Amino acid sequence: MWSLPTWAAQEGNEGLYEMAAPPDSAFVRVVNLTSGQLELAMDEWRQSLAPGRAGDYLYRPGGDAQLQVNGQPFAFSFAARSVQTLAYDGERLTAFEDTYFNSRLKALVVMYNLVAQGASLQTANGAVTVIGPLAASESADREINGVKVALRVSLDDGASLPLDEAVLQRGRVYSVWVVAGESGPQARLEEANVATMP
């Protein structure tokens, strides 16, 4: 998903992530769809995830690996320069193949529809559809210009889930999560990060 020197690095410090991750690394993160805390372990990495939250992207060489979630092992094989988001529902990990993004001219918005109905990402007034419609358990992305924007998620049942207004910066990646909540589907937008210390 990311050419690290050009993604999420501050201007004038483009080598930050290049120094952190060796060339041709594979990247993986987990999003916690359960109601409990998750403890993740892979190689030398450790992460703790609150309910409903996504972790930072962890990196490793391509090849076979074991990811442990609350001590339960899951075997994976990661291709070099691949990027995956793994959604954990308490029993299994569902993989989403993300885009390896390396543009300094655009921002990348990635939407994950993790509820049981279709959803679209739109401008706040509904005039423009940015991503979608996405069926349940689908993801998609779109490159857009750096801009201050107000967005919403529109569900097939007619519900509208407004997102906090955000400034999308060029060269960075943003995730829109549509997840189940106690009172129904919820949506949020957040910047994605790469872990920098194993």
C-alpha atoms as a PDB file:
ATOM      1  CA  MET A   1       0.000   0.000   0.000  1.00  0.00           C
ATOM      2  CA  TRP A   2       2.792   2.403   0.769  1.00  0.00           C
ATOM      3  CA  SER A   3       6.074   3.455  -0.628  1.00  0.00           C
ATOM      4  CA  LEU A   4       7.168   4.556   2.790  1.00  0.00           C
ATOM      5  CA  PRO A   5       9.356   7.565   1.952  1.00  0.00           C
ATOM      6  CA  THR A   6       6.413   9.228   0.203  1.00  0.00           C
ATOM      7  CA  TRP A   7       3.585   8.215   2.498  1.00  0.00           C
ATOM      8  CA  ALA A   8       2.901   9.923   5.819  1.00  0.00           C
ATOM      9  CA  ALA A   9       6.402  11.385   6.097  1.00  0.00           C
ATOM     10  CA  GLN A  10       6.656  15.032   7.013  1.00  0.00           C
ATOM     11  CA  GLU A  11       7.985  17.329   4.318  1.00  0.00           C
ATOM     12  CA  GLY A  12      11.752  17.449   4.526  1.00  0.00           C
ATOM     13  CA  ASN A  13      11.861  14.084   6.332  1.00  0.00           C
ATOM     14  CA  GLU A  14      10.950  11.723   3.524  1.00  0.00           C
ATOM     15  CA  GLY A  15      13.392   9.039   4.661  1.00  0.00           C
ATOM     16  CA  LEU A  16      11.742   8.428   8.026  1.00  0.00           C
ATOM     17  CA  TYR A  17       9.763   5.342   7.055  1.00  0.00           C
ATOM     18  CA  GLU A  18      12.311   4.152   4.541  1.00  0.00           C
ATOM     19  CA  MET A  19      14.761   3.824   7.425  1.00  0.00           C
ATOM     20  CA  ALA A  20      12.180   2.024   9.541  1.00  0.00           C
ATOM     21  CA  ALA A  21      11.127  -0.576   6.980  1.00  0.00           C
ATOM     22  CA  PRO A  22      13.573  -2.453   4.756  1.00  0.00           C
ATOM     23  CA  PRO A  23      12.921  -2.348   0.999  1.00  0.00           C
ATOM     24  CA  ASP A  24      10.277  -4.782  -0.299  1.00  0.00           C
ATOM     25  CA  SER A  25       8.736  -5.278   3.149  1.00  0.00           C
ATOM     26  CA  ALA A  26       5.236  -6.674   3.524  1.00  0.00           C
ATOM     27  CA  PHE A  27       2.766  -4.708   5.676  1.00  0.00           C
ATOM     28  CA  VAL A  28      -0.141  -6.000   7.751  1.00  0.00           C
ATOM     29  CA  ARG A  29      -2.525  -4.562  10.319  1.00  0.00           C
ATOM     30  CA  VAL A  30      -5.468  -5.949  12.301  1.00  0.00           C
ATOM     31  CA  VAL A  31      -8.816  -4.308  13.050  1.00  0.00           C
ATOM     32  CA  ASN A  32     -10.634  -5.531  16.164  1.00  0.00           C
ATOM     33  CA  LEU A  33     -14.312  -6.236  15.467  1.00  0.00           C
ATOM     34  CA  THR A  34     -14.898  -7.845  18.862  1.00  0.00           C
ATOM     35  CA  SER A  35     -16.149  -6.324  22.113  1.00  0.00           C
ATOM     36  CA  GLY A  36     -12.948  -7.208  23.970  1.00  0.00           C
ATOM     37  CA  GLN A  37      -9.280  -6.238  24.009  1.00  0.00           C
ATOM     38  CA  LEU A  38      -6.936  -7.987  21.545  1.00  0.00           C
ATOM     39  CA  GLU A  39      -3.280  -8.768  22.086  1.00  0.00           C
ATOM     40  CA  LEU A  40      -1.349  -9.251  18.841  1.00  0.00           C
ATOM     41  CA  ALA A  41       2.072 -10.801  18.317  1.00  0.00           C
ATOM     42  CA  MET A  42       4.069 -11.260  15.093  1.00  0.00           C
ATOM     43  CA  ASP A  43       7.828 -11.663  14.906  1.00  0.00           C
ATOM     44  CA  GLU A  44       9.130  -9.068  17.398  1.00  0.00           C
ATOM     45  CA  TRP A  45       6.003  -6.903  17.176  1.00  0.00           C
ATOM     46  CA  ARG A  46       3.426  -6.601  19.944  1.00  0.00           C
ATOM     47  CA  GLN A  47       0.207  -4.573  19.762  1.00  0.00           C
ATOM     48  CA  SER A  48      -2.818  -4.139  21.994  1.00  0.00           C
ATOM     49  CA  LEU A  49      -6.099  -3.215  20.290  1.00  0.00           C
ATOM     50  CA  ALA A  50      -9.211  -1.838  21.967  1.00  0.00           C
ATOM     51  CA  PRO A  51     -12.636  -2.942  20.667  1.00  0.00           C
ATOM     52  CA  GLY A  52     -13.420  -1.494  17.252  1.00  0.00           C
ATOM     53  CA  ARG A  53      -9.931  -0.129  16.678  1.00  0.00           C
ATOM     54  CA  ALA A  54      -7.356  -0.753  13.957  1.00  0.00           C
ATOM     55  CA  GLY A  55      -3.684  -1.192  14.694  1.00  0.00           C
ATOM     56  CA  ASP A  56      -0.710   0.369  12.982  1.00  0.00           C
ATOM     57  CA  TYR A  57       0.695  -1.415   9.961  1.00  0.00           C
ATOM     58  CA  LEU A  58       3.453  -3.800  10.998  1.00  0.00           C
ATOM     59  CA  TYR A  59       6.154  -4.700   8.500  1.00  0.00           C
ATOM     60  CA  ARG A  60       8.237  -7.801   7.905  1.00  0.00           C
ATOM     61  CA  PRO A  61      10.100  -9.519   5.076  1.00  0.00           C
ATOM     62  CA  GLY A  62       7.938 -11.328   2.568  1.00  0.00           C
ATOM     63  CA  GLY A  63       7.338 -15.020   3.218  1.00  0.00           C
ATOM     64  CA  ASP A  64       5.637 -17.289   5.723  1.00  0.00           C
ATOM     65  CA  ALA A  65       4.693 -15.849   9.098  1.00  0.00           C
ATOM     66  CA  GLN A  66       2.596 -16.584  12.145  1.00  0.00           C
ATOM     67  CA  LEU A  67       0.316 -13.946  13.617  1.00  0.00           C
ATOM     68  CA  GLN A  68      -1.061 -14.590  17.103  1.00  0.00           C
ATOM     69  CA  VAL A  69      -4.311 -13.020  18.299  1.00  0.00           C
ATOM     70  CA  ASN A  70      -4.862 -13.488  22.046  1.00  0.00           C
ATOM     71  CA  GLY A  71      -2.501 -16.444  21.785  1.00  0.00           C
ATOM     72  CA  GLN A  72      -4.342 -18.099  18.903  1.00  0.00           C
ATOM     73  CA  PRO A  73      -1.986 -18.716  15.955  1.00  0.00           C
ATOM     74  CA  PHE A  74      -2.842 -17.857  12.345  1.00  0.00           C
ATOM     75  CA  ALA A  75      -0.480 -18.798   9.521  1.00  0.00           C
ATOM     76  CA  PHE A  76       0.047 -16.415   6.603  1.00  0.00           C
ATOM     77  CA  SER A  77       2.322 -15.996   3.614  1.00  0.00           C
ATOM     78  CA  PHE A  78       3.043 -12.363   2.763  1.00  0.00           C
ATOM     79  CA  ALA A  79       4.306 -11.243  -0.624  1.00  0.00           C
ATOM     80  CA  ALA A  80       6.957  -8.542  -0.756  1.00  0.00           C
ATOM     81  CA  ARG A  81       5.457  -5.035  -1.079  1.00  0.00           C
ATOM     82  CA  SER A  82       2.011  -6.387  -0.244  1.00  0.00           C
ATOM     83  CA  VAL A  83      -0.298  -4.628   2.217  1.00  0.00           C
ATOM     84  CA  GLN A  84      -3.167  -6.313   4.039  1.00  0.00           C
ATOM     85  CA  THR A  85      -5.785  -5.368   6.594  1.00  0.00           C
ATOM     86  CA  LEU A  86      -7.055  -8.331   8.617  1.00  0.00           C
ATOM     87  CA  ALA A  87     -10.452  -7.992  10.300  1.00  0.00           C
ATOM     88  CA  TYR A  88     -10.810 -10.180  13.415  1.00  0.00           C
ATOM     89  CA  ASP A  89     -14.361 -11.115  14.496  1.00  0.00           C
ATOM     90  CA  GLY A  90     -13.460 -13.320  17.454  1.00  0.00           C
ATOM     91  CA  GLU A  91     -12.994 -16.505  15.428  1.00  0.00           C
ATOM     92  CA  ARG A  92     -11.326 -15.744  12.115  1.00  0.00           C
ATOM     93  CA  LEU A  93      -9.259 -13.164  10.278  1.00  0.00           C
ATOM     94  CA  THR A  94     -10.753 -11.842   7.031  1.00  0.00           C
ATOM     95  CA  ALA A  95      -8.114 -10.397   4.711  1.00  0.00           C
ATOM     96  CA  PHE A  96      -8.512  -7.207   2.688  1.00  0.00           C
ATOM     97  CA  GLU A  97      -5.851  -6.568   0.044  1.00  0.00           C
ATOM     98  CA  ASP A  98      -4.885  -2.905   0.233  1.00  0.00           C
ATOM     99  CA  THR A  99      -3.223  -0.759  -2.423  1.00  0.00           C
ATOM    100  CA  TYR A 100       0.507  -0.066  -2.286  1.00  0.00           C
ATOM    101  CA  PHE A 101       0.321   3.725  -2.473  1.00  0.00           C
ATOM    102  CA  ASN A 102       3.248   5.959  -3.410  1.00  0.00           C
ATOM    103  CA  SER A 103       1.853   9.280  -4.621  1.00  0.00           C
ATOM    104  CA  ARG A 104       2.980  12.630  -3.248  1.00  0.00           C
ATOM    105  CA  LEU A 105       0.340  14.427  -5.304  1.00  0.00           C
ATOM    106  CA  LYS A 106      -2.830  12.818  -3.920  1.00  0.00           C
ATOM    107  CA  ALA A 107      -4.301  11.473  -0.705  1.00  0.00           C
ATOM    108  CA  LEU A 108      -5.654   7.925  -0.616  1.00  0.00           C
ATOM    109  CA  VAL A 109      -8.995   7.178   1.055  1.00  0.00           C
ATOM    110  CA  VAL A 110      -9.761   3.509   1.751  1.00  0.00           C
ATOM    111  CA  MET A 111     -13.234   2.411   2.845  1.00  0.00           C
ATOM    112  CA  TYR A 112     -13.937  -0.882   4.632  1.00  0.00           C
ATOM    113  CA  ASN A 113     -17.577  -1.936   4.829  1.00  0.00           C
ATOM    114  CA  LEU A 114     -17.703  -4.324   7.784  1.00  0.00           C
ATOM    115  CA  VAL A 115     -21.484  -4.366   8.295  1.00  0.00           C
ATOM    116  CA  ALA A 116     -24.160  -6.594   6.788  1.00  0.00           C
ATOM    117  CA  GLN A 117     -25.574  -4.108   4.273  1.00  0.00           C
ATOM    118  CA  GLY A 118     -24.310  -2.006   1.392  1.00  0.00           C
ATOM    119  CA  ALA A 119     -22.641   1.343   2.024  1.00  0.00           C
ATOM    120  CA  SER A 120     -21.271   4.305   0.064  1.00  0.00           C
ATOM    121  CA  LEU A 121     -18.903   7.115   0.968  1.00  0.00           C
ATOM    122  CA  GLN A 122     -20.292  10.480  -0.117  1.00  0.00           C
ATOM    123  CA  THR A 123     -19.761  14.173   0.378  1.00  0.00           C
ATOM    124  CA  ALA A 124     -21.730  15.467   3.359  1.00  0.00           C
ATOM    125  CA  ASN A 125     -24.530  16.801   1.150  1.00  0.00           C
ATOM    126  CA  GLY A 126     -24.812  13.526  -0.780  1.00  0.00           C
ATOM    127  CA  ALA A 127     -24.065  15.221  -4.091  1.00  0.00           C
ATOM    128  CA  VAL A 128     -20.942  13.186  -4.918  1.00  0.00           C
ATOM    129  CA  THR A 129     -20.219   9.510  -4.274  1.00  0.00           C
ATOM    130  CA  VAL A 130     -16.532   9.143  -3.451  1.00  0.00           C
ATOM    131  CA  ILE A 131     -16.428   5.343  -3.002  1.00  0.00           C
ATOM    132  CA  GLY A 132     -19.047   2.700  -3.542  1.00  0.00           C
ATOM    133  CA  PRO A 133     -21.557   1.389  -3.270  1.00  0.00           C
ATOM    134  CA  LEU A 134     -19.764  -1.434  -1.479  1.00  0.00           C
ATOM    135  CA  ALA A 135     -21.426  -4.706  -0.568  1.00  0.00           C
ATOM    136  CA  ALA A 136     -20.950  -6.179   2.899  1.00  0.00           C
ATOM    137  CA  SER A 137     -17.335  -7.199   3.631  1.00  0.00           C
ATOM    138  CA  GLU A 138     -15.914  -5.263   0.686  1.00  0.00           C
ATOM    139  CA  SER A 139     -13.286  -2.546   0.544  1.00  0.00           C
ATOM    140  CA  ALA A 140     -12.254  -0.029  -2.091  1.00  0.00           C
ATOM    141  CA  ASP A 141     -10.072   3.047  -2.349  1.00  0.00           C
ATOM    142  CA  ARG A 142      -9.817   6.301  -4.254  1.00  0.00           C
ATOM    143  CA  GLU A 143      -7.071   8.852  -4.727  1.00  0.00           C
ATOM    144  CA  ILE A 144      -8.223  12.427  -4.205  1.00  0.00           C
ATOM    145  CA  ASN A 145      -6.646  15.859  -4.045  1.00  0.00           C
ATOM    146  CA  GLY A 146      -5.509  17.163  -0.692  1.00  0.00           C
ATOM    147  CA  VAL A 147      -8.538  19.022   0.649  1.00  0.00           C
ATOM    148  CA  LYS A 148     -10.568  19.924   3.719  1.00  0.00           C
ATOM    149  CA  VAL A 149     -13.713  17.867   3.382  1.00  0.00           C
ATOM    150  CA  ALA A 150     -16.866  16.764   5.170  1.00  0.00           C
ATOM    151  CA  LEU A 151     -17.989  13.247   4.279  1.00  0.00           C
ATOM    152  CA  ARG A 152     -20.713  10.818   5.255  1.00  0.00           C
ATOM    153  CA  VAL A 153     -21.414   7.107   4.900  1.00  0.00           C
ATOM    154  CA  SER A 154     -24.799   6.290   3.371  1.00  0.00           C
ATOM    155  CA  LEU A 155     -26.263   2.851   4.069  1.00  0.00           C
ATOM    156  CA  ASP A 156     -28.672   0.875   1.924  1.00  0.00           C
ATOM    157  CA  ASP A 157     -31.385   1.204   4.575  1.00  0.00           C
ATOM    158  CA  GLY A 158     -31.309   4.996   4.155  1.00  0.00           C
ATOM    159  CA  ALA A 159     -29.281   5.782   7.269  1.00  0.00           C
ATOM    160  CA  SER A 160     -26.630   8.493   7.019  1.00  0.00           C
ATOM    161  CA  LEU A 161     -23.508   8.368   9.213  1.00  0.00           C
ATOM    162  CA  PRO A 162     -21.674  11.722   9.218  1.00  0.00           C
ATOM    163  CA  LEU A 163     -17.899  11.735   9.585  1.00  0.00           C
ATOM    164  CA  ASP A 164     -15.865  14.400  11.336  1.00  0.00           C
ATOM    165  CA  GLU A 165     -14.618  17.080   8.964  1.00  0.00           C
ATOM    166  CA  ALA A 166     -11.003  16.345   8.061  1.00  0.00           C
ATOM    167  CA  VAL A 167      -8.062  17.853   6.217  1.00  0.00           C
ATOM    168  CA  LEU A 168      -6.787  15.173   3.845  1.00  0.00           C
ATOM    169  CA  GLN A 169      -3.103  15.750   3.137  1.00  0.00           C
ATOM    170  CA  ARG A 170      -1.278  14.718   0.005  1.00  0.00           C
ATOM    171  CA  GLY A 171       0.891  11.628   0.339  1.00  0.00           C
ATOM    172  CA  ARG A 172      -1.116  10.247   3.245  1.00  0.00           C
ATOM    173  CA  VAL A 173      -3.592   7.417   3.638  1.00  0.00           C
ATOM    174  CA  TYR A 174      -6.964   7.599   5.400  1.00  0.00           C
ATOM    175  CA  SER A 175      -9.261   4.757   6.412  1.00  0.00           C
ATOM    176  CA  VAL A 176     -13.043   4.939   6.631  1.00  0.00           C
ATOM    177  CA  TRP A 177     -14.361   2.158   8.863  1.00  0.00           C
ATOM    178  CA  VAL A 178     -18.022   1.110   8.767  1.00  0.00           C
ATOM    179  CA  VAL A 179     -18.520  -1.235  11.715  1.00  0.00           C
ATOM    180  CA  ALA A 180     -21.303  -2.606  13.873  1.00  0.00           C
ATOM    181  CA  GLY A 181     -22.001  -0.759  17.126  1.00  0.00           C
ATOM    182  CA  GLU A 182     -24.289  -1.334  20.093  1.00  0.00           C
ATOM    183  CA  SER A 183     -26.972   0.883  18.595  1.00  0.00           C
ATOM    184  CA  GLY A 184     -26.354   0.032  14.944  1.00  0.00           C
ATOM    185  CA  PRO A 185     -23.715   0.716  12.281  1.00  0.00           C
ATOM    186  CA  GLN A 186     -21.071   3.313  13.064  1.00  0.00           C
ATOM    187  CA  ALA A 187     -18.528   5.054  10.832  1.00  0.00           C
ATOM    188  CA  ARG A 188     -15.290   6.905  11.447  1.00  0.00           C
ATOM    189  CA  LEU A 189     -12.397   8.312   9.437  1.00  0.00           C
ATOM    190  CA  GLU A 190      -8.813   8.135  10.654  1.00  0.00           C
ATOM    191  CA  GLU A 191      -5.300   8.424   9.294  1.00  0.00           C
ATOM    192  CA  ALA A 192      -3.437   5.149   8.857  1.00  0.00           C
ATOM    193  CA  ASN A 193       0.009   4.756  10.435  1.00  0.00           C
ATOM    194  CA  VAL A 194       3.008   2.500  10.073  1.00  0.00           C
ATOM    195  CA  ALA A 195       4.646   1.242  13.260  1.00  0.00           C
ATOM    196  CA  THR A 196       8.194   2.549  13.552  1.00  0.00           C
ATOM    197  CA  MET A 197       9.705   0.447  16.372  1.00  0.00           C
ATOM    198  CA  PRO A 198       9.456  -3.345  16.717  1.00  0.00           C
END
